[in-house]
């Protein structure tokens, strides 16, 4: 399905940098945003794992004394 829409010329230029037409450009931008969000979530998970490990090790060290 397609629709006729008004798009700012600058926005069209940006979209065309990502694809051969407006639709392809928008779809590519969405894909890139999804990938970026996944990377951000992965870094958050790694950070949480490191914090948990450090916390556990500190608990072990302090419980000995």
N, C-alpha and C. Protein backbone atom coordinates (compact mmCIF):
# COMPACT_ATOMS: atom_id res chain seq x y z
N UNK A 1 0.84 -1.16 0.00
CA UNK A 1 0.00 0.00 0.00
C UNK A 1 0.89 1.24 0.00
N UNK A 2 0.48 2.24 -0.73
CA UNK A 2 1.25 3.47 -0.75
C UNK A 2 0.31 4.65 -0.54
N UNK A 3 0.89 5.74 -0.06
CA UNK A 3 0.14 6.97 0.19
C UNK A 3 0.92 8.14 -0.36
N UNK A 4 0.20 9.16 -0.71
CA UNK A 4 0.83 10.40 -1.13
C UNK A 4 0.96 11.27 0.12
N UNK A 5 2.18 11.70 0.40
CA UNK A 5 2.43 12.53 1.58
C UNK A 5 3.31 13.71 1.20
N UNK A 6 3.24 14.74 2.00
CA UNK A 6 4.15 15.88 1.82
C UNK A 6 5.34 15.69 2.74
N UNK A 7 6.52 15.83 2.16
CA UNK A 7 7.75 15.64 2.93
C UNK A 7 8.63 16.85 2.70
N UNK A 8 9.16 17.38 3.78
CA UNK A 8 10.10 18.49 3.68
C UNK A 8 11.28 18.07 2.80
N UNK A 9 11.75 18.99 1.98
CA UNK A 9 12.85 18.67 1.05
C UNK A 9 14.10 18.20 1.78
N UNK A 10 14.40 18.83 2.92
CA UNK A 10 15.58 18.43 3.68
C UNK A 10 15.41 17.01 4.22
N UNK A 11 14.20 16.68 4.67
CA UNK A 11 13.94 15.33 5.18
C UNK A 11 14.09 14.31 4.05
N UNK A 12 13.63 14.66 2.86
CA UNK A 12 13.78 13.77 1.70
C UNK A 12 15.24 13.54 1.38
N UNK A 13 16.04 14.61 1.43
CA UNK A 13 17.48 14.48 1.17
C UNK A 13 18.13 13.52 2.17
N UNK A 14 17.74 13.65 3.42
CA UNK A 14 18.30 12.76 4.45
C UNK A 14 17.90 11.32 4.16
N UNK A 15 16.63 11.08 3.86
CA UNK A 15 16.15 9.72 3.58
C UNK A 15 16.85 9.13 2.37
N UNK A 16 17.10 9.93 1.37
CA UNK A 16 17.75 9.42 0.15
C UNK A 16 19.21 9.05 0.38
N UNK A 17 19.80 9.53 1.46
CA UNK A 17 21.16 9.11 1.80
C UNK A 17 21.17 7.67 2.28
N UNK A 18 20.02 7.16 2.72
CA UNK A 18 19.92 5.82 3.26
C UNK A 18 19.29 4.82 2.31
N UNK A 19 18.64 5.29 1.26
CA UNK A 19 18.00 4.37 0.33
C UNK A 19 17.74 5.03 -1.00
N UNK A 20 17.33 4.21 -1.99
CA UNK A 20 17.13 4.73 -3.36
C UNK A 20 15.88 5.59 -3.48
N UNK A 21 14.96 5.44 -2.53
CA UNK A 21 13.77 6.29 -2.52
C UNK A 21 13.36 6.56 -1.08
N UNK A 22 12.32 7.34 -0.88
CA UNK A 22 11.90 7.71 0.47
C UNK A 22 11.57 6.48 1.31
N UNK A 23 10.81 5.56 0.77
CA UNK A 23 10.42 4.36 1.52
C UNK A 23 11.63 3.54 1.92
N UNK A 24 12.53 3.30 0.99
CA UNK A 24 13.73 2.51 1.29
C UNK A 24 14.60 3.21 2.33
N UNK A 25 14.69 4.53 2.23
CA UNK A 25 15.47 5.30 3.20
C UNK A 25 14.90 5.19 4.60
N UNK A 26 13.59 5.29 4.72
CA UNK A 26 12.94 5.19 6.02
C UNK A 26 13.12 3.80 6.60
N UNK A 27 12.96 2.78 5.79
CA UNK A 27 13.11 1.40 6.25
C UNK A 27 14.55 1.14 6.73
N UNK A 28 15.52 1.68 6.00
CA UNK A 28 16.92 1.51 6.39
C UNK A 28 17.20 2.22 7.72
N UNK A 29 16.65 3.42 7.88
CA UNK A 29 16.83 4.16 9.14
C UNK A 29 16.25 3.37 10.30
N UNK A 30 15.08 2.79 10.10
CA UNK A 30 14.45 1.99 11.16
C UNK A 30 15.32 0.80 11.53
N UNK A 31 15.88 0.12 10.53
CA UNK A 31 16.75 -1.03 10.78
C UNK A 31 17.99 -0.62 11.57
N UNK A 32 18.59 0.51 11.19
CA UNK A 32 19.78 0.99 11.89
C UNK A 32 19.45 1.36 13.33
N UNK A 33 18.30 1.98 13.55
CA UNK A 33 17.89 2.33 14.91
C UNK A 33 17.68 1.08 15.77
N UNK A 34 17.10 0.04 15.18
CA UNK A 34 16.90 -1.22 15.91
C UNK A 34 18.24 -1.84 16.30
N UNK A 35 19.19 -1.85 15.37
CA UNK A 35 20.51 -2.41 15.65
C UNK A 35 21.20 -1.62 16.75
N UNK A 36 21.09 -0.29 16.70
CA UNK A 36 21.71 0.57 17.71
C UNK A 36 21.09 0.29 19.08
N UNK A 37 19.80 0.12 19.14
CA UNK A 37 19.12 -0.17 20.40
C UNK A 37 19.56 -1.52 20.96
N UNK A 38 19.74 -2.51 20.08
CA UNK A 38 20.20 -3.83 20.53
C UNK A 38 21.60 -3.74 21.11
N UNK A 39 22.47 -2.99 20.48
CA UNK A 39 23.84 -2.82 20.99
C UNK A 39 23.79 -2.15 22.35
N UNK A 40 22.93 -1.14 22.49
CA UNK A 40 22.81 -0.44 23.76
C UNK A 40 22.34 -1.40 24.86
N UNK A 41 21.37 -2.26 24.54
CA UNK A 41 20.89 -3.24 25.52
C UNK A 41 21.99 -4.23 25.89
N UNK A 42 22.79 -4.64 24.89
CA UNK A 42 23.89 -5.58 25.15
C UNK A 42 24.90 -4.97 26.11
N UNK A 43 25.24 -3.69 25.91
CA UNK A 43 26.18 -3.02 26.80
C UNK A 43 25.61 -2.90 28.20
N UNK A 44 24.32 -2.65 28.30
CA UNK A 44 23.68 -2.56 29.62
C UNK A 44 23.74 -3.91 30.33
N UNK A 45 23.49 -4.98 29.60
CA UNK A 45 23.56 -6.32 30.19
C UNK A 45 24.97 -6.65 30.66
N UNK A 46 25.96 -6.29 29.87
CA UNK A 46 27.36 -6.54 30.23
C UNK A 46 27.71 -5.74 31.48
N UNK A 47 27.29 -4.48 31.52
CA UNK A 47 27.57 -3.65 32.69
C UNK A 47 26.94 -4.24 33.95
N UNK A 48 25.71 -4.69 33.85
CA UNK A 48 25.04 -5.30 35.01
C UNK A 48 25.75 -6.56 35.47
N UNK A 49 26.23 -7.36 34.52
CA UNK A 49 26.93 -8.59 34.86
C UNK A 49 28.25 -8.26 35.59
N UNK A 50 28.97 -7.27 35.11
CA UNK A 50 30.23 -6.87 35.75
C UNK A 50 29.97 -6.36 37.16
N UNK A 51 28.95 -5.51 37.31
CA UNK A 51 28.61 -4.99 38.64
C UNK A 51 28.23 -6.11 39.60
N UNK A 52 27.44 -7.05 39.14
CA UNK A 52 27.03 -8.17 39.98
C UNK A 52 28.24 -9.00 40.41
N UNK A 53 29.14 -9.25 39.48
CA UNK A 53 30.33 -10.04 39.78
C UNK A 53 31.20 -9.34 40.81
N UNK A 54 31.41 -8.04 40.63
CA UNK A 54 32.22 -7.28 41.58
C UNK A 54 31.55 -7.29 42.96
N UNK A 55 30.24 -7.08 42.98
CA UNK A 55 29.51 -7.08 44.25
C UNK A 55 29.66 -8.43 44.96
N UNK A 56 29.52 -9.51 44.21
CA UNK A 56 29.65 -10.85 44.81
C UNK A 56 31.05 -11.09 45.34
N UNK A 57 32.05 -10.66 44.59
CA UNK A 57 33.44 -10.84 45.03
C UNK A 57 33.73 -10.01 46.28
N UNK A 58 33.21 -8.80 46.34
CA UNK A 58 33.39 -7.97 47.53
C UNK A 58 32.71 -8.59 48.74
N UNK A 59 31.55 -9.18 48.54
CA UNK A 59 30.86 -9.85 49.64
C UNK A 59 31.67 -11.03 50.14
N UNK A 60 32.25 -11.79 49.23
CA UNK A 60 33.08 -12.93 49.65
C UNK A 60 34.28 -12.45 50.43
N UNK A 61 34.93 -11.39 49.94
CA UNK A 61 36.13 -10.88 50.62
C UNK A 61 35.80 -10.32 51.99
N UNK A 62 34.70 -9.59 52.10
CA UNK A 62 34.37 -8.97 53.38
C UNK A 62 33.78 -9.96 54.37
N UNK A 63 33.21 -11.05 53.90
CA UNK A 63 32.63 -12.03 54.83
C UNK A 63 33.70 -12.86 55.55
N UNK A 64 34.90 -12.86 55.04
CA UNK A 64 35.98 -13.63 55.66
C UNK A 64 36.49 -12.94 56.93
N UNK A 65 36.27 -11.66 57.05
CA UNK A 65 36.86 -10.93 58.18
C UNK A 65 35.84 -10.64 59.20
